[in-house]
């Protein structure tokens, strides 16, 4: 679409939803679709308003006109990253060749190579990268160093290709993905869920896989820490019972414990932020991890990856004689629901038969092969699903 037409459509939409800044920059671009400043301002507004894909063509055109403008290139890379278009970001940065500056361009090249699945190229791009003098980039340097280290181990334990969801989940987040979705693997999901009505059996299966990970990694926590939300308390009580450990209320500095969350995006912001830093021996277990909106702290073990999850005790949909019906939430005492999780049959759902075999022994072997350095240091937030794609709701 010609940029003038695109800008006019965006102006009308932005006006309708009262995005005054985006409406203004779109109006300016419609009047001067070839002006570099108008192109940049429009692209920047799109990124800030969460519609980066609309800003990409404008930023590309601005960079074509001003190929030496570093702020333009950095903003285009930001827009592409937010859309998970990491391979395109690699192409843009690769055009600089030997003239690629160390910070941030070479770092961004190595990062986007890794996030697009080009592990060897990422390693080569990172090798000459000097430790940044600017403190702004020190944390990013450390995160990428850790991701490359984990990728080395994951590549020895599995294929680390564009279908290896568990290997890439470990590489990017530092956590173990305990189970793969048994539905739609060959139809675009690759082990993730889009919409899931959770079950007690899945909850019990996740706890059992947590126990396997702890044994395989040689970890022996002394307690289970229960977060304050109702779903967290239910799952925490069940986890404590299965692991045979005492359940204790959340205390940020408690060591040698498993902190249990049902969905980290549902907990209090202050609690979530406190989980970014790890006391010695603390392991964070999250049952349902949102892969389209990752939580601020990456779990050390996640039962599953989903876009939207309804807890087994939440308001659910049921197909009745006259169509879909809403089933009210389960209001039983938390301990009673937790007991139902404990006594549930954790036999895996056979699904549609497309998902690769994933036995307890296979999961244990993967953890044992990659556990060196696991669950140490801060818990990063990686706002990208990486090189394994999955279908999702817009």
Protein backbone atom coordinates (compact mmCIF):
# COMPACT_ATOMS: atom_id res chain seq x y z
CA UNK A 1 0.00 0.00 0.00
CA UNK A 2 1.35 3.46 -0.81
CA UNK A 3 2.48 5.20 2.36
CA UNK A 4 0.16 8.13 1.77
CA UNK A 5 -2.85 5.79 1.74
CA UNK A 6 -1.59 3.86 4.74
CA UNK A 7 -1.10 7.09 6.69
CA UNK A 8 -4.62 8.27 5.90
CA UNK A 9 -6.18 5.01 7.08
CA UNK A 10 -4.11 5.06 10.28
CA UNK A 11 -5.05 8.71 10.88
CA UNK A 12 -8.75 7.85 10.77
CA UNK A 13 -8.33 4.81 13.02
CA UNK A 14 -6.13 6.70 15.50
CA UNK A 15 -8.63 9.53 15.67
CA UNK A 16 -11.46 7.07 16.34
CA UNK A 17 -9.65 5.58 19.35
CA UNK A 18 -8.28 8.94 20.56
CA UNK A 19 -4.57 8.25 19.88
CA UNK A 20 -3.84 11.93 19.28
CA UNK A 21 -0.08 11.51 18.84
CA UNK A 22 -0.45 8.79 16.21
CA UNK A 23 -3.23 10.69 14.44
CA UNK A 24 -0.99 13.76 14.25
CA UNK A 25 2.05 11.94 12.83
CA UNK A 26 -0.17 10.03 10.38
CA UNK A 27 -1.67 13.30 9.17
CA UNK A 28 1.79 14.76 8.66
CA UNK A 29 2.92 11.67 6.72
CA UNK A 30 -0.16 11.77 4.49
CA UNK A 31 0.78 15.35 3.54
CA UNK A 32 4.49 14.56 3.01
CA UNK A 33 4.89 10.81 2.38
CA UNK A 34 8.49 11.21 1.16
CA UNK A 35 9.78 13.36 4.02
CA UNK A 36 12.28 11.45 6.25
CA UNK A 37 11.23 13.21 9.46
CA UNK A 38 7.55 12.52 8.80
CA UNK A 39 8.38 8.88 8.06
CA UNK A 40 10.38 8.52 11.26
CA UNK A 41 7.81 10.28 13.46
CA UNK A 42 5.02 8.08 12.11
CA UNK A 43 7.05 4.89 12.58
CA UNK A 44 8.02 5.88 16.11
CA UNK A 45 4.38 6.60 17.04
CA UNK A 46 3.32 3.22 15.67
CA UNK A 47 5.92 1.44 17.81
CA UNK A 48 4.90 3.38 20.91
CA UNK A 49 1.22 2.57 20.36
CA UNK A 50 1.81 -1.16 19.93
CA UNK A 51 1.15 -1.36 16.18
CA UNK A 52 4.75 -1.72 15.09
CA UNK A 53 3.84 -3.55 11.87
CA UNK A 54 2.25 -0.35 10.57
CA UNK A 55 5.44 1.59 11.23
CA UNK A 56 7.83 -0.82 9.52
CA UNK A 57 7.30 0.33 5.90
CA UNK A 58 7.67 4.00 6.86
CA UNK A 59 10.87 3.36 8.80
CA UNK A 60 12.25 1.24 5.96
CA UNK A 61 11.65 4.08 3.50
CA UNK A 62 13.24 6.64 5.83
CA UNK A 63 16.32 4.43 6.21
CA UNK A 64 16.52 3.98 2.44
CA UNK A 65 16.70 7.74 2.08
CA UNK A 66 19.13 8.20 5.00
CA UNK A 67 21.15 4.95 5.19
CA UNK A 68 23.65 6.37 7.68
CA UNK A 69 21.05 7.49 10.24
CA UNK A 70 21.65 5.23 13.25
CA UNK A 71 18.53 6.31 15.21
CA UNK A 72 16.42 5.37 12.19
CA UNK A 73 18.00 1.95 11.94
CA UNK A 74 17.64 1.31 15.66
CA UNK A 75 13.95 2.26 15.56
CA UNK A 76 13.35 -0.03 12.58
CA UNK A 77 15.06 -2.88 14.45
CA UNK A 78 12.86 -2.17 17.47
CA UNK A 79 9.72 -2.33 15.31
CA UNK A 80 10.79 -5.61 13.71
CA UNK A 81 11.66 -7.15 17.08
CA UNK A 82 8.26 -6.28 18.51
CA UNK A 83 6.67 -8.16 15.60
CA UNK A 84 9.06 -11.12 16.10
CA UNK A 85 10.49 -10.48 12.62
CA UNK A 86 13.99 -11.25 13.80
CA UNK A 87 15.30 -12.61 10.49
CA UNK A 88 14.40 -9.30 8.83
CA UNK A 89 16.23 -7.43 11.59
CA UNK A 90 19.31 -9.56 10.85
CA UNK A 91 19.10 -8.59 7.19
CA UNK A 92 18.90 -4.87 8.00
CA UNK A 93 21.89 -5.04 10.35
CA UNK A 94 23.86 -7.31 8.02
CA UNK A 95 23.80 -4.62 5.34
CA UNK A 96 26.35 -2.67 7.40
CA UNK A 97 28.98 -5.38 6.88
CA UNK A 98 32.36 -4.67 8.43
CA UNK A 99 31.23 -1.17 9.42
CA UNK A 100 28.84 -2.58 12.03
CA UNK A 101 29.40 -0.66 15.32
CA UNK A 102 29.80 -2.68 18.52
CA UNK A 103 26.97 -1.10 20.55
CA UNK A 104 24.16 -1.47 20.00
CA UNK A 105 24.32 -2.72 16.40
CA UNK A 106 26.55 -5.78 16.81
CA UNK A 107 24.71 -6.75 19.98
CA UNK A 108 21.38 -6.42 18.14
CA UNK A 109 22.73 -8.53 15.29
CA UNK A 110 23.80 -11.33 17.64
CA UNK A 111 20.54 -11.14 19.56
CA UNK A 112 18.34 -11.27 16.47
CA UNK A 113 20.40 -14.05 14.94
CA UNK A 114 19.71 -16.10 18.05
CA UNK A 115 16.01 -15.19 18.23
CA UNK A 116 15.61 -16.20 14.57
CA UNK A 117 17.24 -19.57 15.18
CA UNK A 118 20.64 -18.81 13.64
CA UNK A 119 22.67 -20.06 16.58
CA UNK A 120 26.04 -20.42 14.84
CA UNK A 121 25.79 -16.97 13.28
CA UNK A 122 24.75 -15.50 16.62
CA UNK A 123 27.80 -17.03 18.28
CA UNK A 124 30.08 -15.64 15.56
CA UNK A 125 28.52 -12.17 15.77
CA UNK A 126 28.84 -12.14 19.56
CA UNK A 127 32.46 -13.35 19.72
CA UNK A 128 34.13 -9.98 18.96
CA UNK A 129 31.61 -8.00 21.03
CA UNK A 130 33.45 -6.07 23.71
CA UNK A 131 32.02 -5.63 27.20
CA UNK A 132 30.09 -2.35 27.07
CA UNK A 133 31.54 0.68 28.80
CA UNK A 134 28.04 2.13 29.13
CA UNK A 135 26.21 0.60 32.11
CA UNK A 136 23.01 0.82 30.06
CA UNK A 137 24.08 -2.24 28.06
CA UNK A 138 25.73 -4.33 30.79
CA UNK A 139 22.57 -6.25 31.70
CA UNK A 140 21.78 -6.91 28.04
CA UNK A 141 25.32 -8.22 27.50
CA UNK A 142 24.92 -10.58 30.44
CA UNK A 143 21.53 -11.85 29.24
CA UNK A 144 22.83 -12.63 25.77
CA UNK A 145 25.91 -14.32 27.21
CA UNK A 146 23.65 -16.57 29.29
CA UNK A 147 21.37 -17.36 26.33
CA UNK A 148 24.30 -18.42 24.16
CA UNK A 149 25.65 -20.59 26.96
CA UNK A 150 22.28 -22.31 27.36
CA UNK A 151 21.98 -22.74 23.59
CA UNK A 152 25.26 -24.68 23.59
CA UNK A 153 23.83 -27.14 26.10
CA UNK A 154 20.41 -27.35 24.45
CA UNK A 155 22.05 -28.08 21.09
CA UNK A 156 23.87 -31.05 22.64
CA UNK A 157 20.65 -32.37 24.21
CA UNK A 158 18.35 -31.91 21.22
CA UNK A 159 18.12 -30.66 17.63
CA UNK A 160 17.61 -26.96 18.52
CA UNK A 161 15.77 -26.48 15.24
CA UNK A 162 12.57 -24.61 14.43
CA UNK A 163 10.44 -27.36 16.06
CA UNK A 164 12.48 -27.81 19.26
CA UNK A 165 10.23 -25.81 21.56
CA UNK A 166 11.76 -27.14 24.78
CA UNK A 167 15.32 -26.45 23.67
CA UNK A 168 14.56 -22.89 22.62
CA UNK A 169 12.46 -22.22 25.72
CA UNK A 170 15.46 -23.13 27.85
CA UNK A 171 17.79 -21.07 25.66
CA UNK A 172 15.74 -17.90 25.84
CA UNK A 173 14.27 -17.99 29.35
CA UNK A 174 16.52 -20.30 31.34
CA UNK A 175 13.48 -22.39 32.31
CA UNK A 176 12.28 -25.90 31.56
CA UNK A 177 9.08 -26.49 29.62
CA UNK A 178 7.61 -29.56 31.26
CA UNK A 179 4.97 -30.58 28.70
CA UNK A 180 4.02 -30.09 25.06
CA UNK A 181 0.48 -29.58 23.83
CA UNK A 182 -0.84 -32.88 22.42
CA UNK A 183 -3.00 -31.06 19.87
CA UNK A 184 -2.22 -29.26 16.62
CA UNK A 185 1.53 -29.82 16.59
CA UNK A 186 1.56 -30.26 12.81
CA UNK A 187 -1.11 -27.59 12.31
CA UNK A 188 0.89 -24.60 13.44
CA UNK A 189 1.04 -24.94 17.24
CA UNK A 190 4.40 -26.75 17.65
CA UNK A 191 3.74 -27.66 21.27
CA UNK A 192 2.01 -24.49 22.48
CA UNK A 193 -1.66 -23.92 23.28
CA UNK A 194 -3.72 -20.98 22.04
CA UNK A 195 -6.89 -21.33 24.15
CA UNK A 196 -6.97 -23.96 26.89
CA UNK A 197 -9.59 -25.01 29.41
CA UNK A 198 -7.23 -26.51 31.93
CA UNK A 199 -7.81 -29.77 33.81
CA UNK A 200 -6.91 -31.23 37.19
CA UNK A 201 -4.96 -33.94 35.38
CA UNK A 202 -2.79 -31.33 33.61
CA UNK A 203 -2.10 -29.64 36.94
CA UNK A 204 -1.06 -32.94 38.51
CA UNK A 205 1.04 -33.81 35.48
CA UNK A 206 2.87 -30.49 35.75
CA UNK A 207 3.68 -31.09 39.41
CA UNK A 208 4.98 -34.56 38.57
CA UNK A 209 7.23 -33.11 35.87
CA UNK A 210 8.45 -30.50 38.36
CA UNK A 211 9.47 -33.35 40.68
CA UNK A 212 11.30 -35.02 37.79
CA UNK A 213 13.18 -31.80 37.01
CA UNK A 214 14.21 -31.36 40.65
CA UNK A 215 15.55 -34.93 40.85
CA UNK A 216 17.33 -34.75 37.49
CA UNK A 217 18.98 -31.44 38.41
CA UNK A 218 19.96 -32.65 41.88
CA UNK A 219 17.88 -30.02 43.69
CA UNK A 220 16.31 -30.66 47.10
CA UNK A 221 14.15 -27.70 48.20
CA UNK A 222 13.07 -27.62 51.82
CA UNK A 223 9.62 -26.08 51.40
CA UNK A 224 6.92 -24.93 49.00
CA UNK A 225 6.16 -21.21 49.02
CA UNK A 226 2.54 -20.39 48.25
CA UNK A 227 1.72 -17.09 46.54
CA UNK A 228 -1.37 -15.19 47.78
CA UNK A 229 -3.80 -15.61 44.84
CA UNK A 230 -6.56 -18.23 45.05
CA UNK A 231 -5.28 -20.20 42.05
CA UNK A 232 -1.73 -19.97 43.39
CA UNK A 233 -2.82 -21.22 46.80
CA UNK A 234 -4.70 -24.17 45.31
CA UNK A 235 -1.78 -25.23 43.14
CA UNK A 236 0.73 -24.52 45.92
CA UNK A 237 -1.07 -26.73 48.43
CA UNK A 238 -1.25 -29.54 45.87
CA UNK A 239 2.45 -29.16 45.02
CA UNK A 240 3.44 -29.30 48.68
CA UNK A 241 1.42 -32.49 49.15
CA UNK A 242 2.88 -34.22 46.09
CA UNK A 243 6.46 -33.20 46.91
CA UNK A 244 6.03 -34.01 50.60
CA UNK A 245 7.18 -30.56 51.71
CA UNK A 246 5.70 -27.99 54.12
CA UNK A 247 3.67 -25.16 52.56
CA UNK A 248 4.60 -21.65 53.68
CA UNK A 249 3.28 -18.18 52.76
CA UNK A 250 5.28 -16.06 50.34
CA UNK A 251 8.38 -14.33 51.68
CA UNK A 252 10.58 -12.77 48.97
CA UNK A 253 13.91 -13.74 50.52
CA UNK A 254 13.13 -17.34 51.43
CA UNK A 255 15.84 -19.70 50.21
CA UNK A 256 15.79 -23.37 49.18
CA UNK A 257 12.11 -23.30 48.32
CA UNK A 258 9.80 -23.84 45.36
CA UNK A 259 7.63 -20.77 44.74
CA UNK A 260 4.39 -21.88 43.07
CA UNK A 261 2.31 -19.73 40.73
CA UNK A 262 -0.61 -20.78 38.58
CA UNK A 263 -0.21 -17.82 36.17
CA UNK A 264 2.39 -15.16 36.94
CA UNK A 265 0.49 -12.57 34.91
CA UNK A 266 -2.34 -12.79 37.43
CA UNK A 267 -0.30 -11.97 40.54
CA UNK A 268 0.28 -8.58 42.16
CA UNK A 269 2.79 -6.40 40.28
CA UNK A 270 4.98 -5.89 43.35
CA UNK A 271 5.18 -9.63 43.98
CA UNK A 272 5.99 -10.25 40.32
CA UNK A 273 8.81 -7.70 40.40
CA UNK A 274 10.23 -9.25 43.57
CA UNK A 275 10.56 -12.57 41.75
CA UNK A 276 12.99 -11.13 39.20
CA UNK A 277 15.83 -11.44 41.71
CA UNK A 278 16.54 -14.90 43.06
CA UNK A 279 17.56 -15.80 46.63
CA UNK A 280 19.92 -18.77 46.71
CA UNK A 281 18.19 -22.07 46.06
CA UNK A 282 14.81 -20.55 45.16
CA UNK A 283 12.99 -22.23 42.25
CA UNK A 284 9.99 -20.62 40.55
CA UNK A 285 7.34 -22.99 39.21
CA UNK A 286 4.55 -21.62 37.00
CA UNK A 287 1.82 -23.86 35.69
CA UNK A 288 0.46 -21.82 32.76
CA UNK A 289 2.98 -19.48 31.14
CA UNK A 290 1.61 -16.95 28.64
CA UNK A 291 3.86 -17.02 25.58
CA UNK A 292 2.25 -14.03 23.83
CA UNK A 293 2.60 -11.77 26.88
CA UNK A 294 5.49 -13.19 28.94
CA UNK A 295 5.49 -12.40 32.67
CA UNK A 296 8.08 -10.02 34.11
CA UNK A 297 9.93 -12.94 35.74
CA UNK A 298 10.67 -16.10 33.77
CA UNK A 299 9.75 -19.30 35.61
CA UNK A 300 12.39 -21.96 36.21
CA UNK A 301 9.83 -24.65 35.34
CA UNK A 302 6.62 -24.12 33.35
CA UNK A 303 4.06 -26.86 32.90
CA UNK A 304 2.80 -25.49 29.59
CA UNK A 305 2.79 -22.50 27.24
CA UNK A 306 -0.58 -21.00 26.30
CA UNK A 307 -2.06 -17.72 25.12
CA UNK A 308 -5.27 -17.93 27.17
CA UNK A 309 -5.98 -20.38 30.01
CA UNK A 310 -9.11 -21.02 32.08
CA UNK A 311 -8.32 -22.68 35.41
CA UNK A 312 -10.15 -25.95 36.20
CA UNK A 313 -11.94 -24.13 39.04
CA UNK A 314 -12.76 -21.00 37.01
CA UNK A 315 -15.80 -20.06 34.95
CA UNK A 316 -15.79 -22.46 32.04
CA UNK A 317 -17.60 -23.11 28.77
CA UNK A 318 -19.58 -26.32 28.30
CA UNK A 319 -21.33 -27.53 25.18
CA UNK A 320 -24.96 -28.06 26.14
CA UNK A 321 -27.93 -29.20 24.09
CA UNK A 322 -28.60 -25.65 22.88
CA UNK A 323 -25.00 -24.64 22.34
CA UNK A 324 -22.21 -23.25 24.55
CA UNK A 325 -23.11 -22.70 28.20
CA UNK A 326 -21.16 -21.04 30.99
CA UNK A 327 -20.36 -23.23 33.98
CA UNK A 328 -19.98 -21.22 37.21
CA UNK A 329 -16.66 -21.33 39.08
CA UNK A 330 -15.89 -24.02 41.64
CA UNK A 331 -16.32 -22.37 45.04
CA UNK A 332 -15.12 -25.26 47.17
CA UNK A 333 -12.43 -24.68 49.79
CA UNK A 334 -8.93 -24.36 48.36
CA UNK A 335 -7.66 -27.40 50.25
CA UNK A 336 -10.49 -29.52 48.83
CA UNK A 337 -9.68 -28.51 45.24
CA UNK A 338 -5.97 -29.07 45.90
CA UNK A 339 -6.80 -32.59 47.12
CA UNK A 340 -8.59 -33.24 43.82
CA UNK A 341 -5.43 -32.27 41.94
CA UNK A 342 -3.37 -34.64 44.09
CA UNK A 343 -5.63 -37.63 43.43
CA UNK A 344 -6.04 -36.92 39.69
CA UNK A 345 -4.71 -39.37 37.11
CA UNK A 346 -1.73 -37.64 35.52
CA UNK A 347 -1.61 -39.96 32.50
CA UNK A 348 -0.90 -37.71 29.51
CA UNK A 349 -3.67 -36.86 27.07
CA UNK A 350 -2.94 -38.82 23.85
CA UNK A 351 -4.23 -35.86 21.83
CA UNK A 352 -4.41 -36.11 18.05
CA UNK A 353 -1.28 -38.21 17.66
CA UNK A 354 0.77 -35.49 15.94
CA UNK A 355 2.91 -34.35 18.87
CA UNK A 356 6.31 -36.10 19.15
CA UNK A 357 6.73 -38.63 21.93
CA UNK A 358 7.67 -36.94 25.20
CA UNK A 359 8.08 -39.43 28.03
CA UNK A 360 9.12 -38.75 31.62
CA UNK A 361 12.44 -40.42 30.85
CA UNK A 362 13.06 -38.13 27.87
CA UNK A 363 12.26 -35.03 29.91
CA UNK A 364 14.51 -36.21 32.75
CA UNK A 365 17.38 -36.84 30.34
CA UNK A 366 17.02 -33.35 28.85
CA UNK A 367 17.14 -31.73 32.29
CA UNK A 368 20.11 -33.83 33.40
CA UNK A 369 22.04 -32.88 30.24
CA UNK A 370 21.40 -29.13 30.59
CA UNK A 371 21.10 -28.52 34.34
CA UNK A 372 24.54 -26.99 34.90
CA UNK A 373 23.90 -23.37 35.89
CA UNK A 374 20.12 -23.82 35.92
CA UNK A 375 18.04 -21.67 38.30
CA UNK A 376 20.87 -19.31 39.19
CA UNK A 377 21.03 -15.55 38.75
CA UNK A 378 18.18 -13.17 37.92
CA UNK A 379 15.06 -14.27 36.03
CA UNK A 380 14.91 -12.43 32.69
CA UNK A 381 11.88 -11.37 30.71
CA UNK A 382 12.28 -12.26 27.03
CA UNK A 383 9.48 -10.64 25.03
CA UNK A 384 9.79 -12.99 22.05
CA UNK A 385 8.70 -16.58 21.37
CA UNK A 386 11.96 -17.13 19.53
CA UNK A 387 12.40 -19.18 16.35
CA UNK A 388 9.64 -21.75 17.01
CA UNK A 389 6.40 -20.25 15.63
CA UNK A 390 2.89 -21.01 16.87
CA UNK A 391 -0.55 -19.91 15.73
CA UNK A 392 -2.25 -17.39 17.99
CA UNK A 393 -5.31 -15.20 18.34
CA UNK A 394 -4.80 -11.68 17.03
